Amino acid sequence: MPTNKSTLKRMRTSVKSGIRNKARRSSLWTSEKNFRNAVEQGDFEEARQLLNKTFSLYDKAIKTNVVHKNRANRKKARLSAVLSNAKNG
């Protein structure tokens, strides 16, 4: 167990930020799942709106260092491909 005041505070803040980061990642996964369900059902208008929401969540996750920017950009590209492939065939 740490004995310095600053180390104790750092432990507390890391727990809080860990909870915050987990919630943000969870909302990303949920949004992605909802998007994929909309594509499977063939509701492309709803899927487009969910895709925009998911992009926004990924951008916010990049900004807060929850997700690395390369991973987020890769996920965004793959989700766009899922929508375009579903529309075209």
C-alpha atoms as a PDB file:
ATOM      1  CA  MET A   1       0.000   0.000   0.000  1.00  0.00           C
ATOM      2  CA  PRO A   2       1.404   3.414  -0.910  1.00  0.00           C
ATOM      3  CA  THR A   3       2.273   5.828   1.843  1.00  0.00           C
ATOM      4  CA  ASN A   4       2.710   9.111  -0.026  1.00  0.00           C
ATOM      5  CA  LYS A   5      -0.267  11.457  -0.181  1.00  0.00           C
ATOM      6  CA  SER A   6       0.170  11.956  -3.910  1.00  0.00           C
ATOM      7  CA  THR A   7       0.323   8.211  -4.561  1.00  0.00           C
ATOM      8  CA  LEU A   8      -2.844   7.608  -2.581  1.00  0.00           C
ATOM      9  CA  LYS A   9      -4.606  10.345  -4.510  1.00  0.00           C
ATOM     10  CA  ARG A  10      -3.322   8.911  -7.779  1.00  0.00           C
ATOM     11  CA  MET A  11      -4.807   5.526  -6.852  1.00  0.00           C
ATOM     12  CA  ARG A  12      -8.186   7.105  -6.146  1.00  0.00           C
ATOM     13  CA  THR A  13      -8.219   9.082  -9.366  1.00  0.00           C
ATOM     14  CA  SER A  14      -7.116   6.106 -11.462  1.00  0.00           C
ATOM     15  CA  VAL A  15     -10.022   4.067 -10.108  1.00  0.00           C
ATOM     16  CA  LYS A  16     -12.452   6.865 -10.962  1.00  0.00           C
ATOM     17  CA  SER A  17     -11.045   7.323 -14.443  1.00  0.00           C
ATOM     18  CA  GLY A  18     -11.066   3.563 -14.977  1.00  0.00           C
ATOM     19  CA  ILE A  19     -14.771   3.460 -14.213  1.00  0.00           C
ATOM     20  CA  ARG A  20     -15.364   6.399 -16.541  1.00  0.00           C
ATOM     21  CA  ASN A  21     -13.349   4.790 -19.335  1.00  0.00           C
ATOM     22  CA  LYS A  22     -15.165   1.476 -18.928  1.00  0.00           C
ATOM     23  CA  ALA A  23     -18.518   3.223 -19.228  1.00  0.00           C
ATOM     24  CA  ARG A  24     -17.412   5.018 -22.390  1.00  0.00           C
ATOM     25  CA  ARG A  25     -16.116   1.772 -23.941  1.00  0.00           C
ATOM     26  CA  SER A  26     -19.345   0.027 -23.009  1.00  0.00           C
ATOM     27  CA  SER A  27     -21.408   2.711 -24.740  1.00  0.00           C
ATOM     28  CA  LEU A  28     -19.208   2.285 -27.832  1.00  0.00           C
ATOM     29  CA  TRP A  29     -19.854  -1.447 -27.919  1.00  0.00           C
ATOM     30  CA  THR A  30     -23.580  -0.972 -27.346  1.00  0.00           C
ATOM     31  CA  SER A  31     -23.821   1.602 -30.119  1.00  0.00           C
ATOM     32  CA  GLU A  32     -21.921  -0.666 -32.495  1.00  0.00           C
ATOM     33  CA  LYS A  33     -24.194  -3.595 -31.617  1.00  0.00           C
ATOM     34  CA  ASN A  34     -27.325  -1.504 -32.245  1.00  0.00           C
ATOM     35  CA  PHE A  35     -25.915  -0.417 -35.605  1.00  0.00           C
ATOM     36  CA  ARG A  36     -25.209  -4.008 -36.656  1.00  0.00           C
ATOM     37  CA  ASN A  37     -28.715  -5.088 -35.593  1.00  0.00           C
ATOM     38  CA  ALA A  38     -30.257  -2.312 -37.697  1.00  0.00           C
ATOM     39  CA  VAL A  39     -28.214  -3.397 -40.727  1.00  0.00           C
ATOM     40  CA  GLU A  40     -29.254  -7.042 -40.247  1.00  0.00           C
ATOM     41  CA  GLN A  41     -32.904  -6.024 -40.146  1.00  0.00           C
ATOM     42  CA  GLY A  42     -32.483  -3.978 -43.322  1.00  0.00           C
ATOM     43  CA  ASP A  43     -33.384  -0.650 -41.706  1.00  0.00           C
ATOM     44  CA  PHE A  44     -30.765   1.414 -43.520  1.00  0.00           C
ATOM     45  CA  GLU A  45     -32.089   4.828 -42.513  1.00  0.00           C
ATOM     46  CA  GLU A  46     -31.902   3.884 -38.832  1.00  0.00           C
ATOM     47  CA  ALA A  47     -28.502   2.275 -39.440  1.00  0.00           C
ATOM     48  CA  ARG A  48     -27.196   5.499 -40.979  1.00  0.00           C
ATOM     49  CA  GLN A  49     -28.261   7.493 -37.920  1.00  0.00           C
ATOM     50  CA  LEU A  50     -26.706   4.931 -35.592  1.00  0.00           C
ATOM     51  CA  LEU A  51     -23.520   4.979 -37.659  1.00  0.00           C
ATOM     52  CA  ASN A  52     -23.248   8.748 -37.205  1.00  0.00           C
ATOM     53  CA  LYS A  53     -23.819   8.348 -33.456  1.00  0.00           C
ATOM     54  CA  THR A  54     -21.168   5.625 -33.282  1.00  0.00           C
ATOM     55  CA  PHE A  55     -18.687   7.802 -35.189  1.00  0.00           C
ATOM     56  CA  SER A  56     -19.309  10.600 -32.720  1.00  0.00           C
ATOM     57  CA  LEU A  57     -18.738   8.288 -29.755  1.00  0.00           C
ATOM     58  CA  TYR A  58     -15.495   7.008 -31.273  1.00  0.00           C
ATOM     59  CA  ASP A  59     -14.292  10.563 -31.862  1.00  0.00           C
ATOM     60  CA  LYS A  60     -15.007  11.457 -28.242  1.00  0.00           C
ATOM     61  CA  ALA A  61     -13.216   8.304 -27.094  1.00  0.00           C
ATOM     62  CA  ILE A  62     -10.166   9.326 -29.133  1.00  0.00           C
ATOM     63  CA  LYS A  63     -10.222  12.771 -27.576  1.00  0.00           C
ATOM     64  CA  THR A  64     -10.286  11.371 -24.043  1.00  0.00           C
ATOM     65  CA  ASN A  65      -7.639   8.673 -24.757  1.00  0.00           C
ATOM     66  CA  VAL A  66     -10.045   5.800 -24.155  1.00  0.00           C
ATOM     67  CA  VAL A  67      -9.384   4.321 -27.604  1.00  0.00           C
ATOM     68  CA  HIS A  68      -6.317   4.731 -29.792  1.00  0.00           C
ATOM     69  CA  LYS A  69      -7.005   6.809 -32.890  1.00  0.00           C
ATOM     70  CA  ASN A  70      -5.847   4.091 -35.299  1.00  0.00           C
ATOM     71  CA  ARG A  71      -8.185   1.549 -33.758  1.00  0.00           C
ATOM     72  CA  ALA A  72     -11.095   3.978 -33.857  1.00  0.00           C
ATOM     73  CA  ASN A  73     -10.433   4.883 -37.493  1.00  0.00           C
ATOM     74  CA  ARG A  74     -10.175   1.197 -38.411  1.00  0.00           C
ATOM     75  CA  LYS A  75     -13.487   0.450 -36.677  1.00  0.00           C
ATOM     76  CA  LYS A  76     -15.159   3.415 -38.381  1.00  0.00           C
ATOM     77  CA  ALA A  77     -13.939   2.244 -41.797  1.00  0.00           C
ATOM     78  CA  ARG A  78     -15.162  -1.297 -41.193  1.00  0.00           C
ATOM     79  CA  LEU A  79     -18.558  -0.140 -39.972  1.00  0.00           C
ATOM     80  CA  SER A  80     -18.929   2.059 -43.073  1.00  0.00           C
ATOM     81  CA  ALA A  81     -18.058  -0.945 -45.214  1.00  0.00           C
ATOM     82  CA  VAL A  82     -20.691  -3.051 -43.466  1.00  0.00           C
ATOM     83  CA  LEU A  83     -23.364  -0.479 -44.286  1.00  0.00           C
ATOM     84  CA  SER A  84     -22.318   0.002 -47.910  1.00  0.00           C
ATOM     85  CA  ASN A  85     -22.024  -3.755 -48.528  1.00  0.00           C
ATOM     86  CA  ALA A  86     -25.442  -4.363 -47.014  1.00  0.00           C
ATOM     87  CA  LYS A  87     -27.010  -1.673 -49.196  1.00  0.00           C
ATOM     88  CA  ASN A  88     -25.359  -2.870 -52.402  1.00  0.00           C
ATOM     89  CA  GLY A  89     -25.907  -6.545 -52.014  1.00  0.00           C
END
